[in-house]
Amino acid sequence: MEPLIFLVALGAVFWFLLVRPQRKRQAHHRSMLAELSTGDEVITAGGVFATVRTIADDHLVVEIAPGTEVRLAKEAVANVVPKPEEPPLTPENDS
């Protein structure tokens, strides 16, 4: 009976330390890809910064340099570069 409890506990630890975090990362990546839009700046899995020009079901067309567009698998997008926030306009900044 003791080895069975140990195996169940080991399985639970394995689940919480390895499987669960990986599933969370996969879900986050899927939602990031679903929210992609034209004009977003992305970083590819190879480390290339690019701007999204068109989006299809399984691939993107991205611009990696002015006038240079390449087709890229959606899964190759590693991250979306956050857009810089503009400071709010205040009466002092209007002039």
N, C-alpha and C. Protein backbone atom coordinates (compact mmCIF):
# COMPACT_ATOMS: atom_id res chain seq x y z
N MET A 1 0.82 -1.20 0.00
CA MET A 1 0.00 0.00 0.00
C MET A 1 0.87 1.26 0.00
N GLU A 2 1.99 1.20 0.71
CA GLU A 2 2.88 2.35 0.80
C GLU A 2 3.48 2.74 -0.56
N PRO A 3 3.94 1.77 -1.37
CA PRO A 3 4.49 2.14 -2.69
C PRO A 3 3.43 2.79 -3.59
N LEU A 4 2.18 2.38 -3.46
CA LEU A 4 1.11 2.96 -4.27
C LEU A 4 0.89 4.43 -3.91
N ILE A 5 0.91 4.75 -2.63
CA ILE A 5 0.75 6.15 -2.20
C ILE A 5 1.94 6.98 -2.70
N PHE A 6 3.13 6.41 -2.63
CA PHE A 6 4.31 7.11 -3.12
C PHE A 6 4.21 7.39 -4.61
N LEU A 7 3.75 6.41 -5.40
CA LEU A 7 3.61 6.60 -6.85
C LEU A 7 2.56 7.65 -7.18
N VAL A 8 1.45 7.66 -6.45
CA VAL A 8 0.41 8.66 -6.68
C VAL A 8 0.94 10.05 -6.34
N ALA A 9 1.66 10.17 -5.24
CA ALA A 9 2.24 11.46 -4.86
C ALA A 9 3.28 11.91 -5.88
N LEU A 10 4.09 11.00 -6.37
CA LEU A 10 5.08 11.32 -7.38
C LEU A 10 4.39 11.77 -8.67
N GLY A 11 3.32 11.11 -9.04
CA GLY A 11 2.56 11.51 -10.23
C GLY A 11 1.97 12.90 -10.07
N ALA A 12 1.45 13.23 -8.89
CA ALA A 12 0.89 14.55 -8.64
C ALA A 12 1.96 15.64 -8.73
N VAL A 13 3.12 15.37 -8.17
CA VAL A 13 4.23 16.33 -8.24
C VAL A 13 4.66 16.52 -9.69
N PHE A 14 4.77 15.44 -10.43
CA PHE A 14 5.12 15.50 -11.85
C PHE A 14 4.11 16.37 -12.60
N TRP A 15 2.83 16.17 -12.34
CA TRP A 15 1.77 16.93 -13.00
C TRP A 15 1.91 18.43 -12.71
N PHE A 16 2.05 18.79 -11.46
CA PHE A 16 2.07 20.20 -11.09
C PHE A 16 3.37 20.91 -11.47
N LEU A 17 4.48 20.17 -11.57
CA LEU A 17 5.74 20.81 -11.91
C LEU A 17 6.05 20.81 -13.40
N LEU A 18 5.53 19.86 -14.16
CA LEU A 18 5.89 19.77 -15.58
C LEU A 18 4.71 19.93 -16.53
N VAL A 19 3.69 19.16 -16.36
CA VAL A 19 2.60 19.13 -17.33
C VAL A 19 1.74 20.39 -17.26
N ARG A 20 1.34 20.78 -16.09
CA ARG A 20 0.43 21.93 -15.93
C ARG A 20 1.05 23.24 -16.44
N PRO A 21 2.30 23.58 -16.09
CA PRO A 21 2.89 24.81 -16.62
C PRO A 21 3.03 24.80 -18.15
N GLN A 22 3.35 23.63 -18.71
CA GLN A 22 3.49 23.54 -20.16
C GLN A 22 2.13 23.78 -20.84
N ARG A 23 1.08 23.26 -20.29
CA ARG A 23 -0.25 23.49 -20.87
C ARG A 23 -0.65 24.96 -20.78
N LYS A 24 -0.27 25.62 -19.68
CA LYS A 24 -0.55 27.05 -19.55
C LYS A 24 0.20 27.85 -20.61
N ARG A 25 1.47 27.50 -20.84
CA ARG A 25 2.25 28.19 -21.87
C ARG A 25 1.65 27.97 -23.26
N GLN A 26 1.21 26.76 -23.54
CA GLN A 26 0.59 26.47 -24.83
C GLN A 26 -0.71 27.25 -25.02
N ALA A 27 -1.51 27.33 -23.97
CA ALA A 27 -2.77 28.08 -24.06
C ALA A 27 -2.49 29.57 -24.27
N HIS A 28 -1.48 30.10 -23.58
CA HIS A 28 -1.11 31.51 -23.75
C HIS A 28 -0.64 31.76 -25.19
N HIS A 29 0.17 30.86 -25.73
CA HIS A 29 0.68 31.01 -27.09
C HIS A 29 -0.46 30.96 -28.10
N ARG A 30 -1.41 30.04 -27.92
CA ARG A 30 -2.56 29.96 -28.83
C ARG A 30 -3.39 31.23 -28.78
N SER A 31 -3.62 31.78 -27.58
CA SER A 31 -4.41 33.00 -27.48
C SER A 31 -3.65 34.18 -28.08
N MET A 32 -2.33 34.22 -27.93
CA MET A 32 -1.53 35.28 -28.53
C MET A 32 -1.64 35.24 -30.05
N LEU A 33 -1.58 34.04 -30.63
CA LEU A 33 -1.70 33.90 -32.07
C LEU A 33 -3.10 34.28 -32.56
N ALA A 34 -4.10 33.97 -31.77
CA ALA A 34 -5.48 34.31 -32.15
C ALA A 34 -5.71 35.82 -32.13
N GLU A 35 -4.96 36.55 -31.31
CA GLU A 35 -5.14 38.00 -31.19
C GLU A 35 -4.24 38.80 -32.12
N LEU A 36 -3.42 38.12 -32.94
CA LEU A 36 -2.55 38.84 -33.87
C LEU A 36 -3.36 39.67 -34.84
N SER A 37 -2.85 40.84 -35.18
CA SER A 37 -3.54 41.67 -36.17
C SER A 37 -2.50 42.31 -37.07
N THR A 38 -2.97 42.79 -38.20
CA THR A 38 -2.09 43.45 -39.15
C THR A 38 -1.46 44.68 -38.50
N GLY A 39 -0.17 44.83 -38.69
CA GLY A 39 0.55 45.96 -38.12
C GLY A 39 1.26 45.65 -36.83
N ASP A 40 0.98 44.50 -36.21
CA ASP A 40 1.67 44.12 -34.98
C ASP A 40 3.13 43.81 -35.28
N GLU A 41 4.01 44.19 -34.36
CA GLU A 41 5.41 43.81 -34.47
C GLU A 41 5.61 42.54 -33.67
N VAL A 42 6.24 41.55 -34.29
CA VAL A 42 6.43 40.25 -33.66
C VAL A 42 7.91 39.88 -33.65
N ILE A 43 8.25 38.94 -32.79
CA ILE A 43 9.58 38.34 -32.78
C ILE A 43 9.38 36.87 -33.15
N THR A 44 10.12 36.41 -34.14
CA THR A 44 9.98 35.02 -34.56
C THR A 44 10.79 34.10 -33.65
N ALA A 45 10.59 32.81 -33.81
CA ALA A 45 11.34 31.84 -33.02
C ALA A 45 12.83 31.92 -33.32
N GLY A 46 13.20 32.45 -34.48
CA GLY A 46 14.60 32.61 -34.84
C GLY A 46 15.18 33.93 -34.37
N GLY A 47 14.37 34.77 -33.73
CA GLY A 47 14.86 36.03 -33.20
C GLY A 47 14.76 37.20 -34.16
N VAL A 48 14.01 37.05 -35.24
CA VAL A 48 13.87 38.12 -36.22
C VAL A 48 12.68 39.00 -35.84
N PHE A 49 12.89 40.31 -35.82
CA PHE A 49 11.79 41.25 -35.59
C PHE A 49 11.12 41.50 -36.93
N ALA A 50 9.79 41.46 -36.95
CA ALA A 50 9.05 41.63 -38.19
C ALA A 50 7.72 42.30 -37.90
N THR A 51 7.13 42.88 -38.95
CA THR A 51 5.82 43.51 -38.84
C THR A 51 4.82 42.70 -39.66
N VAL A 52 3.69 42.36 -39.07
CA VAL A 52 2.68 41.55 -39.73
C VAL A 52 2.00 42.37 -40.82
N ARG A 53 1.97 41.84 -42.04
CA ARG A 53 1.30 42.51 -43.15
C ARG A 53 -0.04 41.85 -43.48
N THR A 54 -0.07 40.52 -43.61
CA THR A 54 -1.33 39.81 -43.84
C THR A 54 -1.36 38.55 -42.99
N ILE A 55 -2.58 38.11 -42.69
CA ILE A 55 -2.76 36.93 -41.85
C ILE A 55 -3.65 35.94 -42.59
N ALA A 56 -3.20 34.70 -42.70
CA ALA A 56 -4.01 33.61 -43.27
C ALA A 56 -4.27 32.59 -42.18
N ASP A 57 -4.90 31.48 -42.54
CA ASP A 57 -5.24 30.47 -41.54
C ASP A 57 -4.02 29.87 -40.87
N ASP A 58 -3.01 29.51 -41.65
CA ASP A 58 -1.85 28.80 -41.09
C ASP A 58 -0.53 29.54 -41.24
N HIS A 59 -0.54 30.71 -41.88
CA HIS A 59 0.70 31.45 -42.05
C HIS A 59 0.45 32.95 -42.05
N LEU A 60 1.56 33.69 -41.96
CA LEU A 60 1.53 35.15 -41.98
C LEU A 60 2.47 35.62 -43.08
N VAL A 61 2.22 36.80 -43.58
CA VAL A 61 3.20 37.47 -44.42
C VAL A 61 3.71 38.63 -43.57
N VAL A 62 5.01 38.62 -43.33
CA VAL A 62 5.62 39.64 -42.47
C VAL A 62 6.67 40.40 -43.25
N GLU A 63 6.87 41.64 -42.85
CA GLU A 63 7.90 42.48 -43.46
C GLU A 63 9.07 42.53 -42.49
N ILE A 64 10.24 42.06 -42.95
CA ILE A 64 11.41 42.03 -42.08
C ILE A 64 12.35 43.21 -42.34
N ALA A 65 12.18 43.86 -43.46
CA ALA A 65 12.93 45.08 -43.81
C ALA A 65 12.06 45.83 -44.81
N PRO A 66 12.26 47.12 -44.97
CA PRO A 66 11.43 47.86 -45.93
C PRO A 66 11.46 47.21 -47.31
N GLY A 67 10.30 46.79 -47.78
CA GLY A 67 10.18 46.15 -49.09
C GLY A 67 10.51 44.68 -49.12
N THR A 68 10.84 44.07 -47.99
CA THR A 68 11.17 42.64 -47.94
C THR A 68 10.13 41.91 -47.13
N GLU A 69 9.28 41.16 -47.83
CA GLU A 69 8.23 40.40 -47.15
C GLU A 69 8.51 38.92 -47.29
N VAL A 70 8.24 38.17 -46.23
CA VAL A 70 8.41 36.71 -46.24
C VAL A 70 7.17 36.06 -45.65
N ARG A 71 6.94 34.83 -46.06
CA ARG A 71 5.83 34.04 -45.51
C ARG A 71 6.36 33.25 -44.33
N LEU A 72 5.59 33.22 -43.25
CA LEU A 72 6.04 32.63 -41.99
C LEU A 72 4.91 31.81 -41.40
N ALA A 73 5.22 30.63 -40.89
CA ALA A 73 4.22 29.82 -40.20
C ALA A 73 3.79 30.53 -38.93
N LYS A 74 2.50 30.49 -38.62
CA LYS A 74 2.01 31.17 -37.42
C LYS A 74 2.70 30.66 -36.16
N GLU A 75 2.97 29.38 -36.10
CA GLU A 75 3.58 28.79 -34.92
C GLU A 75 5.00 29.30 -34.68
N ALA A 76 5.62 29.92 -35.70
CA ALA A 76 6.98 30.42 -35.57
C ALA A 76 7.03 31.78 -34.88
N VAL A 77 5.88 32.35 -34.57
CA VAL A 77 5.85 33.62 -33.84
C VAL A 77 6.08 33.30 -32.37
N ALA A 78 7.16 33.84 -31.82
CA ALA A 78 7.49 33.57 -30.42
C ALA A 78 6.84 34.57 -29.48
N ASN A 79 6.74 35.84 -29.92
CA ASN A 79 6.22 36.87 -29.03
C ASN A 79 5.74 38.05 -29.85
N VAL A 80 4.83 38.80 -29.27
CA VAL A 80 4.37 40.05 -29.87
C VAL A 80 5.02 41.18 -29.09
N VAL A 81 5.65 42.10 -29.79
CA VAL A 81 6.31 43.24 -29.14
C VAL A 81 5.22 44.20 -28.67
N PRO A 82 5.21 44.54 -27.38
CA PRO A 82 4.18 45.46 -26.90
C PRO A 82 4.34 46.84 -27.53
N LYS A 83 3.21 47.44 -27.85
CA LYS A 83 3.23 48.77 -28.44
C LYS A 83 3.53 49.78 -27.34
N PRO A 84 4.37 50.78 -27.66
CA PRO A 84 4.68 51.78 -26.63
C PRO A 84 3.44 52.61 -26.31
N GLU A 85 3.26 52.85 -25.04
CA GLU A 85 2.11 53.64 -24.61
C GLU A 85 2.46 55.11 -24.71
N GLU A 86 1.53 55.88 -25.27
CA GLU A 86 1.75 57.31 -25.36
C GLU A 86 1.33 57.96 -24.05
N PRO A 87 2.10 58.95 -23.59
CA PRO A 87 1.72 59.61 -22.34
C PRO A 87 0.42 60.40 -22.55
N PRO A 88 -0.41 60.45 -21.51
CA PRO A 88 -1.67 61.18 -21.65
C PRO A 88 -1.41 62.68 -21.82
N LEU A 89 -2.26 63.33 -22.59
CA LEU A 89 -2.12 64.77 -22.81
C LEU A 89 -2.57 65.52 -21.56
N THR A 90 -1.74 66.41 -21.11
CA THR A 90 -2.08 67.26 -19.98
C THR A 90 -1.99 68.69 -20.44
N PRO A 91 -2.58 69.63 -19.74
CA PRO A 91 -2.51 71.03 -20.17
C PRO A 91 -1.07 71.53 -20.33
N GLU A 92 -0.13 71.03 -19.55
CA GLU A 92 1.25 71.47 -19.66
C GLU A 92 1.89 70.95 -20.94
N ASN A 93 1.45 69.76 -21.43
CA ASN A 93 2.06 69.14 -22.61
C ASN A 93 1.41 69.57 -23.91
N ASP A 94 0.31 70.34 -23.87
CA ASP A 94 -0.41 70.71 -25.07
C ASP A 94 0.39 71.68 -25.95
N SER A 95 1.20 72.51 -25.39
CA SER A 95 1.88 73.53 -26.19
C SER A 95 3.14 73.04 -26.82
